[in-house]
């Protein structure tokens, strides 16, 4: 295989990679991702649902399985494009439920109604 063909193959393999978050810097909105073994990214930005006048803040957590996308194939230039449910972080287990959970607090919406669960609810 020629150098050009080998480099092209390397780029294609690096466009989409899956890994696990190893560190988070909320102040910089960046995280590091392990791709297995000794391979760890530098500080990568994560994709925000919204980041303008309307903003959704949802940083990834250490141990969360994520997808890293890099159009150049170089993960150093990549961005974290969301997470995947895994054995360590399973989904809700039902298809007709919208759920947001932060620690012990959650909001659940399904056909039967809306449930807010939290140790403390402040309605200022």
N, C-alpha and C. Protein backbone atom coordinates (compact mmCIF):
# COMPACT_ATOMS: atom_id res chain seq x y z
N UNK A 1 0.85 -1.17 0.00
CA UNK A 1 0.00 0.00 0.00
C UNK A 1 0.90 1.24 0.00
N UNK A 2 0.57 2.20 -0.83
CA UNK A 2 1.36 3.42 -0.91
C UNK A 2 1.11 4.30 0.32
N UNK A 3 2.02 5.25 0.53
CA UNK A 3 1.88 6.17 1.66
C UNK A 3 0.56 6.94 1.55
N UNK A 4 0.22 7.43 0.36
CA UNK A 4 -1.02 8.19 0.16
C UNK A 4 -2.25 7.36 0.48
N UNK A 5 -2.25 6.11 0.04
CA UNK A 5 -3.40 5.23 0.31
C UNK A 5 -3.48 4.92 1.81
N UNK A 6 -2.33 4.70 2.43
CA UNK A 6 -2.31 4.42 3.87
C UNK A 6 -2.80 5.63 4.66
N UNK A 7 -2.37 6.82 4.26
CA UNK A 7 -2.81 8.05 4.94
C UNK A 7 -4.31 8.26 4.75
N UNK A 8 -4.81 7.99 3.57
CA UNK A 8 -6.25 8.10 3.31
C UNK A 8 -7.05 7.16 4.18
N UNK A 9 -6.56 5.94 4.34
CA UNK A 9 -7.21 4.95 5.21
C UNK A 9 -7.20 5.43 6.66
N UNK A 10 -6.07 5.98 7.10
CA UNK A 10 -5.95 6.48 8.47
C UNK A 10 -6.94 7.62 8.71
N UNK A 11 -7.10 8.51 7.75
CA UNK A 11 -8.04 9.63 7.88
C UNK A 11 -9.46 9.11 7.98
N UNK A 12 -9.84 8.18 7.10
CA UNK A 12 -11.21 7.63 7.12
C UNK A 12 -11.51 6.96 8.46
N UNK A 13 -10.54 6.25 9.01
CA UNK A 13 -10.74 5.57 10.29
C UNK A 13 -10.89 6.55 11.45
N UNK A 14 -10.35 7.77 11.32
CA UNK A 14 -10.41 8.75 12.40
C UNK A 14 -11.56 9.73 12.32
N UNK A 15 -12.37 9.66 11.27
CA UNK A 15 -13.46 10.63 11.11
C UNK A 15 -14.47 10.50 12.24
N UNK A 16 -14.90 9.29 12.55
CA UNK A 16 -15.82 9.04 13.67
C UNK A 16 -15.18 8.00 14.57
N UNK A 17 -15.03 8.36 15.84
CA UNK A 17 -14.45 7.43 16.82
C UNK A 17 -15.32 7.45 18.07
N UNK A 18 -15.29 6.36 18.79
CA UNK A 18 -16.04 6.25 20.04
C UNK A 18 -15.05 6.09 21.18
N UNK A 19 -15.35 6.72 22.30
CA UNK A 19 -14.47 6.63 23.45
C UNK A 19 -15.21 6.96 24.72
N UNK A 20 -14.45 7.09 25.80
CA UNK A 20 -15.02 7.36 27.13
C UNK A 20 -14.37 8.62 27.69
N UNK A 21 -15.19 9.51 28.23
CA UNK A 21 -14.70 10.76 28.80
C UNK A 21 -13.84 10.46 30.02
N UNK A 22 -12.64 11.05 30.05
CA UNK A 22 -11.70 10.84 31.17
C UNK A 22 -11.52 12.08 32.03
N UNK A 23 -11.84 13.26 31.49
CA UNK A 23 -11.69 14.51 32.24
C UNK A 23 -12.60 15.56 31.63
N UNK A 24 -13.11 16.47 32.47
CA UNK A 24 -13.98 17.54 32.01
C UNK A 24 -13.50 18.86 32.62
N UNK A 25 -13.41 19.89 31.78
CA UNK A 25 -13.08 21.25 32.24
C UNK A 25 -14.29 22.13 31.93
N UNK A 26 -15.25 22.24 32.86
CA UNK A 26 -16.47 23.01 32.58
C UNK A 26 -16.20 24.48 32.25
N UNK A 27 -15.20 25.09 32.89
CA UNK A 27 -14.91 26.50 32.64
C UNK A 27 -14.51 26.75 31.19
N UNK A 28 -13.82 25.79 30.58
CA UNK A 28 -13.38 25.92 29.19
C UNK A 28 -14.34 25.23 28.22
N UNK A 29 -15.35 24.53 28.75
CA UNK A 29 -16.29 23.74 27.93
C UNK A 29 -15.52 22.75 27.04
N UNK A 30 -14.61 22.00 27.68
CA UNK A 30 -13.79 21.02 26.98
C UNK A 30 -13.71 19.74 27.80
N UNK A 31 -13.47 18.62 27.11
CA UNK A 31 -13.31 17.32 27.78
C UNK A 31 -12.24 16.52 27.07
N UNK A 32 -11.65 15.56 27.78
CA UNK A 32 -10.70 14.61 27.20
C UNK A 32 -11.40 13.27 27.05
N UNK A 33 -11.03 12.53 26.01
CA UNK A 33 -11.66 11.25 25.70
C UNK A 33 -10.60 10.18 25.51
N UNK A 34 -10.79 9.02 26.13
CA UNK A 34 -9.91 7.87 25.92
C UNK A 34 -10.51 7.01 24.82
N UNK A 35 -9.66 6.62 23.87
CA UNK A 35 -10.10 5.75 22.79
C UNK A 35 -9.65 4.32 23.01
N UNK A 36 -9.26 4.01 24.23
CA UNK A 36 -8.81 2.66 24.58
C UNK A 36 -7.30 2.61 24.66
N UNK A 37 -6.80 1.78 25.54
CA UNK A 37 -5.35 1.66 25.71
C UNK A 37 -4.74 2.97 26.17
N UNK A 38 -3.66 3.36 25.53
CA UNK A 38 -2.93 4.58 25.90
C UNK A 38 -3.43 5.79 25.13
N UNK A 39 -4.37 5.62 24.23
CA UNK A 39 -4.82 6.69 23.33
C UNK A 39 -5.84 7.60 24.01
N UNK A 40 -5.45 8.86 24.25
CA UNK A 40 -6.35 9.84 24.85
C UNK A 40 -6.26 11.13 24.05
N UNK A 41 -7.40 11.78 23.86
CA UNK A 41 -7.43 13.04 23.11
C UNK A 41 -6.88 14.17 23.96
N UNK A 42 -6.66 15.29 23.31
CA UNK A 42 -6.42 16.53 24.03
C UNK A 42 -7.77 17.07 24.47
N UNK A 43 -7.82 18.34 24.86
CA UNK A 43 -9.08 18.95 25.29
C UNK A 43 -9.94 19.26 24.08
N UNK A 44 -11.12 18.62 24.00
CA UNK A 44 -12.03 18.78 22.86
C UNK A 44 -13.30 19.50 23.28
N UNK A 45 -13.86 20.36 22.42
CA UNK A 45 -15.16 20.97 22.73
C UNK A 45 -16.27 19.94 22.53
N UNK A 46 -17.37 20.12 23.25
CA UNK A 46 -18.52 19.25 23.02
C UNK A 46 -19.61 20.05 22.32
N UNK A 47 -20.40 19.36 21.54
CA UNK A 47 -21.48 19.96 20.79
C UNK A 47 -22.59 20.37 21.76
N UNK A 48 -23.08 21.58 21.63
CA UNK A 48 -24.18 22.06 22.47
C UNK A 48 -25.48 21.99 21.68
N UNK A 49 -26.56 21.68 22.35
CA UNK A 49 -27.87 21.69 21.70
C UNK A 49 -28.16 23.11 21.21
N UNK A 50 -27.88 24.11 22.03
CA UNK A 50 -28.00 25.53 21.67
C UNK A 50 -26.92 26.29 22.42
N UNK A 51 -26.33 27.31 21.80
CA UNK A 51 -25.26 28.07 22.44
C UNK A 51 -25.30 29.54 22.02
N UNK A 52 -26.49 30.11 21.95
CA UNK A 52 -26.65 31.52 21.59
C UNK A 52 -27.52 32.20 22.62
N UNK A 53 -28.47 33.01 22.13
CA UNK A 53 -29.41 33.68 23.04
C UNK A 53 -30.18 32.65 23.87
N UNK A 54 -30.47 31.51 23.26
CA UNK A 54 -31.02 30.37 23.99
C UNK A 54 -29.85 29.41 24.16
N UNK A 55 -29.61 28.97 25.38
CA UNK A 55 -28.45 28.14 25.66
C UNK A 55 -28.87 26.91 26.46
N UNK A 56 -28.31 25.76 26.10
CA UNK A 56 -28.53 24.52 26.84
C UNK A 56 -27.17 24.04 27.33
N UNK A 57 -26.97 24.00 28.63
CA UNK A 57 -25.70 23.60 29.22
C UNK A 57 -25.83 22.17 29.71
N UNK A 58 -25.08 21.26 29.09
CA UNK A 58 -25.13 19.86 29.49
C UNK A 58 -23.75 19.23 29.24
N UNK A 59 -22.79 19.51 30.13
CA UNK A 59 -21.45 18.95 29.92
C UNK A 59 -21.44 17.43 30.07
N UNK A 60 -20.54 16.77 29.36
CA UNK A 60 -20.42 15.32 29.54
C UNK A 60 -19.83 15.02 30.91
N UNK A 61 -19.95 13.78 31.34
CA UNK A 61 -19.43 13.36 32.64
C UNK A 61 -18.31 12.34 32.45
N UNK A 62 -17.37 12.32 33.38
CA UNK A 62 -16.32 11.32 33.35
C UNK A 62 -16.98 9.94 33.37
N UNK A 63 -16.53 9.06 32.49
CA UNK A 63 -17.09 7.72 32.39
C UNK A 63 -18.17 7.60 31.33
N UNK A 64 -18.62 8.71 30.76
CA UNK A 64 -19.67 8.69 29.75
C UNK A 64 -19.09 8.28 28.39
N UNK A 65 -19.76 7.37 27.69
CA UNK A 65 -19.33 6.96 26.36
C UNK A 65 -19.80 8.01 25.36
N UNK A 66 -18.88 8.48 24.49
CA UNK A 66 -19.20 9.56 23.56
C UNK A 66 -18.71 9.24 22.15
N UNK A 67 -19.22 10.02 21.21
CA UNK A 67 -18.80 9.95 19.81
C UNK A 67 -17.97 11.19 19.51
N UNK A 68 -16.78 11.01 18.91
CA UNK A 68 -15.93 12.13 18.52
C UNK A 68 -15.89 12.15 17.00
N UNK A 69 -16.19 13.32 16.42
CA UNK A 69 -16.21 13.48 14.97
C UNK A 69 -15.13 14.48 14.58
N UNK A 70 -14.36 14.11 13.55
CA UNK A 70 -13.34 15.00 13.01
C UNK A 70 -13.32 14.85 11.50
N UNK A 71 -13.75 15.88 10.79
CA UNK A 71 -13.81 15.77 9.33
C UNK A 71 -12.43 15.57 8.71
N UNK A 72 -11.37 16.00 9.40
CA UNK A 72 -10.01 15.81 8.89
C UNK A 72 -9.47 14.42 9.21
N UNK A 73 -10.12 13.70 10.10
CA UNK A 73 -9.63 12.39 10.54
C UNK A 73 -8.64 12.49 11.68
N UNK A 74 -8.31 13.71 12.09
CA UNK A 74 -7.37 13.94 13.20
C UNK A 74 -8.19 14.27 14.44
N UNK A 75 -8.22 13.36 15.43
CA UNK A 75 -9.05 13.58 16.61
C UNK A 75 -8.64 14.83 17.38
N UNK A 76 -7.42 15.31 17.20
CA UNK A 76 -7.01 16.56 17.86
C UNK A 76 -7.85 17.74 17.35
N UNK A 77 -8.43 17.60 16.17
CA UNK A 77 -9.28 18.63 15.59
C UNK A 77 -10.77 18.28 15.73
N UNK A 78 -11.08 17.27 16.53
CA UNK A 78 -12.44 16.76 16.63
C UNK A 78 -13.31 17.50 17.63
N UNK A 79 -14.57 17.15 17.62
CA UNK A 79 -15.55 17.64 18.59
C UNK A 79 -16.36 16.45 19.10
N UNK A 80 -16.80 16.57 20.34
CA UNK A 80 -17.64 15.53 20.95
C UNK A 80 -19.08 15.79 20.51
N UNK A 81 -19.67 14.82 19.83
CA UNK A 81 -21.00 14.99 19.24
C UNK A 81 -22.08 14.20 19.94
N UNK A 82 -22.00 14.05 21.21
CA UNK A 82 -23.07 13.38 21.93
C UNK A 82 -22.60 12.10 22.58
N UNK A 83 -23.50 11.51 23.33
CA UNK A 83 -23.13 10.32 24.08
C UNK A 83 -24.01 9.14 23.69
N UNK A 84 -23.60 7.99 24.16
CA UNK A 84 -24.31 6.75 23.88
C UNK A 84 -24.61 6.06 25.20
N UNK A 85 -25.77 5.45 25.27
CA UNK A 85 -26.07 4.65 26.46
C UNK A 85 -25.12 3.46 26.46
N UNK A 86 -24.76 3.02 27.63
CA UNK A 86 -23.82 1.91 27.77
C UNK A 86 -24.19 1.10 29.00
N UNK A 87 -23.44 0.05 29.24
CA UNK A 87 -23.67 -0.77 30.43
C UNK A 87 -23.49 0.07 31.69
N UNK A 88 -22.52 0.97 31.67
CA UNK A 88 -22.26 1.84 32.83
C UNK A 88 -23.32 2.91 33.00
N UNK A 89 -23.91 3.37 31.88
CA UNK A 89 -24.91 4.43 31.89
C UNK A 89 -26.09 4.01 31.00
N UNK A 90 -26.98 3.15 31.53
CA UNK A 90 -28.07 2.62 30.70
C UNK A 90 -29.19 3.65 30.47
N UNK A 91 -29.97 3.40 29.44
CA UNK A 91 -31.13 4.24 29.13
C UNK A 91 -32.29 3.95 30.07
N UNK A 92 -33.41 4.64 29.85
CA UNK A 92 -34.57 4.54 30.73
C UNK A 92 -35.32 3.21 30.56
N UNK A 93 -35.13 2.53 29.44
CA UNK A 93 -35.75 1.23 29.24
C UNK A 93 -37.16 1.26 28.69
N UNK A 94 -37.65 2.43 28.30
CA UNK A 94 -38.97 2.52 27.70
C UNK A 94 -38.92 3.53 26.55
N UNK A 95 -39.70 3.26 25.50
CA UNK A 95 -39.64 4.11 24.32
C UNK A 95 -40.52 5.34 24.35
N UNK A 96 -41.51 5.38 25.20
CA UNK A 96 -42.48 6.48 25.19
C UNK A 96 -42.27 7.42 26.38
N UNK A 97 -41.02 7.70 26.71
CA UNK A 97 -40.70 8.52 27.87
C UNK A 97 -39.63 9.53 27.50
N UNK A 98 -39.84 10.80 27.86
CA UNK A 98 -38.81 11.83 27.75
C UNK A 98 -38.36 12.10 29.17
N UNK A 99 -37.05 11.98 29.43
CA UNK A 99 -36.56 12.11 30.79
C UNK A 99 -35.26 12.90 30.81
N UNK A 100 -35.19 13.86 31.73
CA UNK A 100 -33.96 14.58 32.01
C UNK A 100 -33.62 14.28 33.46
N UNK A 101 -32.39 13.82 33.69
CA UNK A 101 -31.99 13.48 35.05
C UNK A 101 -30.65 14.10 35.38
N UNK A 102 -30.56 14.72 36.55
CA UNK A 102 -29.32 15.26 37.08
C UNK A 102 -29.24 14.78 38.52
N UNK A 103 -28.35 13.83 38.78
CA UNK A 103 -28.26 13.27 40.12
C UNK A 103 -29.60 12.68 40.53
N UNK A 104 -30.10 13.02 41.73
CA UNK A 104 -31.37 12.46 42.20
C UNK A 104 -32.60 13.20 41.65
N UNK A 105 -32.38 14.27 40.92
CA UNK A 105 -33.51 15.07 40.40
C UNK A 105 -33.83 14.69 38.96
N UNK A 106 -35.13 14.65 38.64
CA UNK A 106 -35.51 14.31 37.27
C UNK A 106 -36.84 14.94 36.88
N UNK A 107 -37.02 15.10 35.58
CA UNK A 107 -38.29 15.49 34.97
C UNK A 107 -38.63 14.39 33.98
N UNK A 108 -39.82 13.84 34.10
CA UNK A 108 -40.27 12.78 33.20
C UNK A 108 -41.56 13.21 32.53
N UNK A 109 -41.65 12.99 31.23
CA UNK A 109 -42.87 13.31 30.48
C UNK A 109 -43.23 12.09 29.64
N UNK A 110 -44.46 11.63 29.77
CA UNK A 110 -44.98 10.57 28.93
C UNK A 110 -46.48 10.78 28.75
N UNK A 111 -47.16 9.84 28.14
CA UNK A 111 -48.59 9.99 27.86
C UNK A 111 -49.43 10.14 29.12
N UNK A 112 -48.95 9.65 30.25
CA UNK A 112 -49.73 9.73 31.48
C UNK A 112 -49.54 11.05 32.22
N UNK A 113 -48.55 11.87 31.83
CA UNK A 113 -48.36 13.16 32.48
C UNK A 113 -46.91 13.56 32.65
N UNK A 114 -46.72 14.53 33.54
CA UNK A 114 -45.39 15.08 33.83
C UNK A 114 -45.10 14.85 35.30
N UNK A 115 -43.91 14.34 35.58
CA UNK A 115 -43.49 14.11 36.96
C UNK A 115 -42.18 14.83 37.22
N UNK A 116 -42.14 15.58 38.30
CA UNK A 116 -40.92 16.25 38.73
C UNK A 116 -40.52 15.62 40.05
N UNK A 117 -39.30 15.08 40.10
CA UNK A 117 -38.81 14.43 41.31
C UNK A 117 -37.52 15.10 41.71
N UNK A 118 -37.43 15.55 42.96
CA UNK A 118 -36.22 16.20 43.44
C UNK A 118 -36.22 16.28 44.95
N UNK A 119 -35.04 16.30 45.57
CA UNK A 119 -34.98 16.48 47.02
C UNK A 119 -35.56 17.83 47.43
N UNK A 120 -35.42 18.84 46.55
CA UNK A 120 -35.94 20.18 46.82
C UNK A 120 -36.42 20.78 45.52
N UNK A 121 -37.60 21.40 45.53
CA UNK A 121 -38.12 22.09 44.35
C UNK A 121 -38.34 23.54 44.74
N UNK A 122 -37.66 24.44 44.04
CA UNK A 122 -37.74 25.88 44.31
C UNK A 122 -38.48 26.55 43.16
N UNK A 123 -39.65 27.11 43.44
CA UNK A 123 -40.48 27.75 42.40
C UNK A 123 -40.49 29.28 42.56
N UNK A 124 -39.32 29.86 42.73
CA UNK A 124 -39.27 31.33 42.89
C UNK A 124 -39.91 32.01 41.73
